[in-house]
Protein backbone atom coordinates (compact mmCIF):
# COMPACT_ATOMS: atom_id res chain seq x y z
CA MET A 1 270.13 90.91 315.97
CA LEU A 2 269.48 87.57 313.41
CA HIS A 3 272.10 85.31 312.66
CA ALA A 4 272.41 83.56 309.63
CA PRO A 5 271.81 79.98 311.01
CA ALA A 6 275.81 78.01 310.97
CA ALA A 7 275.27 75.29 308.75
CA PRO A 8 276.63 72.35 310.20
CA ARG A 9 280.12 71.26 310.12
CA PRO A 10 280.45 68.72 308.32
CA LYS A 11 282.21 65.48 309.68
CA LYS A 12 286.24 64.87 309.62
CA ARG A 13 287.02 61.75 307.76
CA SER A 14 289.98 59.55 308.54
CA LYS A 15 292.57 59.37 306.57
CA PRO A 16 292.55 56.31 304.20
CA GLY A 17 295.37 55.01 306.07
CA GLU A 18 297.12 52.04 304.56
CA ASP A 19 296.49 48.75 303.92
CA SER A 20 295.31 46.56 307.43
CA PHE A 21 298.45 43.30 305.71
CA CYS A 22 301.71 44.26 305.12
CA ARG A 23 302.31 43.66 300.79
CA ARG A 24 304.99 40.87 300.33
CA GLU A 25 306.18 42.11 297.57
CA GLU A 26 308.16 45.39 299.89
CA ALA A 27 309.04 43.56 302.84
CA THR A 28 312.57 42.82 302.29
CA PHE A 29 312.64 40.36 305.49
CA GLN A 30 309.76 37.73 304.74
CA ASP A 31 311.70 35.00 307.45
CA VAL A 32 310.91 37.74 310.52
CA ARG A 33 307.18 37.83 311.16
CA ILE A 34 306.66 40.83 313.66
CA PHE A 35 303.81 40.80 315.97
CA LEU A 36 303.57 44.18 318.15
CA VAL A 37 302.15 43.30 321.60
CA GLU A 38 299.66 46.34 322.59
CA ARG A 39 298.88 45.49 326.36
CA LYS A 40 301.26 49.23 327.45
CA MET A 41 301.89 50.63 324.33
CA GLY A 42 298.42 51.92 323.13
CA ARG A 43 297.01 51.56 319.66
CA SER A 44 298.67 55.07 318.86
CA ARG A 45 302.21 53.73 319.22
CA ARG A 46 301.82 50.28 317.61
CA SER A 47 300.14 52.23 314.34
CA PHE A 48 303.03 54.30 314.17
CA LEU A 49 305.88 51.29 315.08
CA THR A 50 304.02 49.00 312.83
CA GLN A 51 304.17 51.94 310.57
CA LEU A 52 307.35 52.35 310.83
CA ALA A 53 308.39 48.65 310.64
CA ARG A 54 306.70 48.73 307.54
CA SER A 55 308.26 51.46 305.61
CA LYS A 56 311.69 49.75 306.27
CA GLY A 57 310.76 46.68 305.02
CA PHE A 58 310.05 44.23 307.53
CA VAL A 59 306.64 41.96 308.05
CA VAL A 60 303.91 42.88 311.04
CA GLU A 61 301.76 41.35 311.65
CA ASP A 62 298.17 42.50 312.64
CA VAL A 63 296.83 38.92 314.62
CA LEU A 64 299.41 37.02 316.38
CA SER A 65 299.10 33.60 314.63
CA ASP A 66 301.66 30.50 314.09
CA VAL A 67 303.05 32.69 311.08
CA VAL A 68 304.75 34.96 313.96
CA THR A 69 308.49 34.58 314.34
CA HIS A 70 308.76 37.71 316.84
CA VAL A 71 306.48 38.79 319.27
CA VAL A 72 307.56 42.23 320.71
CA SER A 73 306.42 43.74 323.86
CA GLU A 74 306.77 46.82 325.73
CA ASP A 75 306.94 48.18 329.72
CA SER A 76 304.91 44.22 330.56
CA GLN A 77 305.38 41.49 333.14
CA SER A 78 307.26 38.95 332.13
CA SER A 79 304.27 36.68 334.09
CA SER A 80 301.61 38.68 332.64
CA LEU A 81 302.16 38.73 329.38
CA TRP A 82 303.18 34.72 328.94
CA ALA A 83 300.24 33.54 330.75
CA TRP A 84 298.46 36.35 327.68
CA LEU A 85 300.83 34.55 325.04
CA ARG A 86 299.58 30.83 326.53
CA GLY A 87 295.73 32.00 326.19
CA ARG A 88 296.29 32.50 322.76
CA SER A 89 295.75 29.36 319.92
CA LEU A 90 299.32 29.11 318.75
CA SER A 91 300.32 25.78 317.87
CA ASP A 92 304.04 26.10 319.04
CA LEU A 93 305.10 28.84 321.10
CA SER A 94 308.92 27.24 321.54
CA THR A 95 309.86 28.58 318.16
CA VAL A 96 308.25 32.19 319.37
CA ASN A 97 310.69 34.38 320.03
CA VAL A 98 309.42 36.75 322.70
CA LEU A 99 311.34 40.13 322.96
CA ASP A 100 311.49 43.64 324.99
CA ILE A 101 310.80 46.52 322.42
CA SER A 102 314.75 47.18 322.96
CA TRP A 103 315.13 44.38 320.46
CA PHE A 104 313.26 46.49 317.51
CA THR A 105 314.58 49.63 318.72
CA ASP A 106 317.81 47.96 317.50
CA SER A 107 316.62 46.64 314.27
CA MET A 108 314.77 50.08 312.88
CA ARG A 109 318.41 51.68 313.74
CA GLU A 110 320.10 48.76 311.75
CA GLY A 111 317.77 48.76 309.06
CA LYS A 112 317.98 44.88 309.37
CA PRO A 113 316.89 42.37 311.66
CA VAL A 114 319.64 41.78 314.49
CA PRO A 115 320.94 38.69 315.96
CA VAL A 116 318.11 38.05 319.16
CA GLU A 117 320.47 37.91 322.57
CA THR A 118 319.67 37.00 326.30
CA LYS A 119 319.60 40.83 326.50
CA HIS A 120 316.51 41.33 324.43
CA LEU A 121 314.52 37.94 324.77
CA ILE A 122 311.88 38.45 327.65
CA GLN A 123 312.10 35.28 329.64
CA ASP A 124 309.35 32.95 331.00
CA ILE A 125 309.48 32.64 334.65
CA LEU A 126 308.41 29.55 335.89
CA PRO A 127 306.22 29.23 338.79
CA GLU A 128 308.92 27.70 342.30
CA ALA A 129 308.61 24.63 342.96
CA PRO A 130 306.74 25.02 346.43
CA LYS A 131 309.77 23.05 348.70
CA ALA A 132 309.65 20.86 350.98
CA ALA A 133 310.02 20.74 354.97
CA PRO A 134 312.91 20.59 355.98
CA VAL A 135 313.73 16.86 357.26
CA ASN A 136 316.18 16.53 360.61
CA THR A 137 319.08 14.62 359.97
CA VAL A 138 321.62 12.54 361.79
CA SER A 139 325.39 12.87 360.61
CA GLN A 140 325.99 9.44 359.81
CA TYR A 141 328.95 9.52 361.48
CA ALA A 142 327.18 11.55 364.96
CA CYS A 143 327.19 8.12 366.68
CA GLN A 144 331.15 7.70 366.33
CA ARG A 145 331.84 9.90 368.93
CA ARG A 146 332.59 8.54 372.29
CA THR A 147 330.15 9.57 374.68
CA THR A 148 328.59 8.74 377.95
CA THR A 149 324.87 7.59 378.04
CA GLU A 150 324.93 10.70 380.54
CA ASN A 151 325.13 13.04 378.37
CA ASN A 152 323.02 16.03 379.33
CA ASN A 153 322.38 16.93 375.81
CA ARG A 154 319.20 14.41 375.18
CA ILE A 155 318.82 15.57 371.19
CA PHE A 156 322.31 13.84 370.83
CA THR A 157 322.62 11.21 373.10
CA LEU A 158 318.67 10.06 372.25
CA ALA A 159 320.27 9.87 368.15
CA CYS A 160 323.18 7.82 369.17
CA LEU A 161 320.82 5.64 370.91
CA THR A 162 318.53 4.99 368.38
CA LEU A 163 322.09 4.99 365.45
CA THR A 164 323.80 2.65 367.80
CA GLN A 165 320.10 0.46 368.65
CA LYS A 166 319.56 0.14 364.49
CA THR A 167 323.14 -1.08 363.87
CA LEU A 168 322.89 -3.75 366.09
CA THR A 169 320.07 -5.07 365.16
CA SER A 170 321.11 -5.27 361.26
CA GLU A 171 323.99 -6.96 361.99
């Protein structure tokens, strides 16, 4: 049996998508500029959420820069997210709202930016300062109690004797 040579299949061309930049004249909310962190959500989910937000009139930036006012992240640990943000060259990170995806979904549901609440914020967890070793101190009233010097509690007796000697020498 002879088969006719099969013609090579034409490669699928990608659909001409929306421009990667947001058309400024179509954006309703010019003062809110969103950057979606792709670290955990993936490229296709980020693309979907970007198109959704732009269709609702939001400005979504493709690159994290100083014009971004809201950084939205999904399923990220706050410590790793903040470390990643600090590694970027932003002039003032304190002016940016770092938010959970719940703010984004609430805003999409309302069709406008909702006010940022504490439940939306991804807090920066500061590393705890190392705790100082506990210092054994004796209360200032410890030696005002009458005790005999033959007390079997040596630590307490020595502390009282030390404190009485210090008060005698300072007077």
